[in-house]
Amino acid sequence: MNQKLMIVSWVLLGVIASSSAFSSPPAGHNAASFGAKGDGKTLNTIAFQKAIDATPKGGVLTVGPGQYVTGTLKLKSNMELHLSEGAELLGSTSLDDYARDNQGAIEAPAFNKCLLYAEHVTNLKITGKGSVNGQGTRENFPVKLEDGSLGDRPMLIRFVDSQNITFSDVTLKNAASWCSHLVSCDDVVIQNVTIDSQVNTNNDGFDLDGCRNVLIENSTLRTGDDSICPKSTTTRLCEEIIVRNTRAQSHTAAFKCGTSSRGGFRNMTVSDCDFSGCRMGVIKLLAVDGGVLENITISNIVMNDVEGPIFIRLGNRGRTYDKPTEQIYGKKVKSEGAPPGVVKNIRISNVKATVTGDDPKRNGIMISGIPGHFIEDVVLENVDITFPGGGTAEDAARVVPEDIARYPEQFFFGTLPAWGAYIRHARNVEFKNVNLTTRRPDQRKKIVLVDVDGFIEK
């Protein structure tokens, strides 16, 4: 290339960079110039939607400091929503302000409304040091109404069938139900994000339904329900997921694949994370609706003050998700039609955990398939876990129910006859340098094997 052509090329590159998808905000293009008022009282839905619609391709819509009440906002392709430090979007507490024409959640129809919505978009960013606050307390959005029916509880975010999505630096908080529901979205980057959402029930963090190529890193998640939850309500696999350098604290689980698992999960890596302060389990890998769960690598994890550190379950609820449906938790349930799936190739290494709590139903490692369908090729390596202990002779004699079709929660199976690990209907399970101890005497065995082919401990 001659020098003149090179100079022209650099000039063209500069022009392209100046108008690229996520450049600095155009002068005057901010929410306030469209009439948005950050007084914490004015309903700004119309003003914000006008601002969004007017944002040029590759443009940035900036929200300045203040509290901006709004109903549903529909975002579009090739734009950045930038929440400046001190800017807070407040979800309206009136259900009348939430759109009813967006695609709903097949797994949770009571959560069909949401604050930020996007469908069939590409190149969308939400950035900045500001926050999105759903104001989703039980008082504002009750779980049940006076007549006993389920109340509508909006999600904070739902993006559907979209690509090249970025969340950077923002804080997401106080959702009335799930916080961020991404459905069939590809190429998603989540960096330096804070979630603080424990004000209602079902306060999941990031639900990734059939998503591909997702990176979550350097984030802090404090959630009432599952912090990071790959899901699969269609035959589209959730795959190529990376979670690293992230802190997750939850009332239920830090990282959970499932419970919806129609297509399944493949090629996921979780590393260098702190999953302390988790109740009802920490890592849950579940395939109960006929899908595959394979090639999962989890390493370098700290768990302090937790229950149930590892729960791996192959079941046969068999849900096909051909219609919207609520979860069923009862014991007397039957498979809904889909055949059992496959769980294999799981490696969990370099884990340091302290299990606490006095409820023995919520403690211990549980790895369980169902009769005729084995969990296969599981390796635990360099794992150090201390348990409370205190199990009785009666506990040691318990026969754990199969509960083949039941919703897969570890404590539903009752107290395990092992204080360390209960492994059933499994093949080729290896414990390498796994150190399990109790802080009090326990009359149960450390490890109990039922219908296990090829267990190695070394």
Foldseek 3Di string as FASTA:
>chain_A
DDPVVVVVVVVVVVVCVCQALAHPADPPLELVSLPFDQAQPDECAVSVQVSQVPADQSHEYEYEAGETEYEAHEHAASYEYEYEANYEYEYDLDPVRWDDPDDADQADRLAGTERYEYEAYEHYEYEYQEEYADLQACVSWNQADPVGDGTRFYEHYEYECYEHYEYYNYEYEAGNAEHYEYAQYEQYEYENYEYYYQRYPNHEAYEAELYYQYEHAPYEYETAEEDAEYAYLALREYENYEYEHYEYAYQAEDYEYDPHAQNHYEHYEYEHYEHEHYELEYYEYYFAQAHEYANYEYEHYEYEAYWHHAEYEFFHLNDNSPGRDYADADLPHDRPDHDTYAAEHYEYEHYEYEYDDDFQLGHAHEHEYAPPYAHEHYEYEHAEYEFAADADPVLLPDDFDRSRNGRDRRSVRPHHNARYYEYERYEAYEYHNHHYYYPDHHPGHNYHYYNYYHYYYD
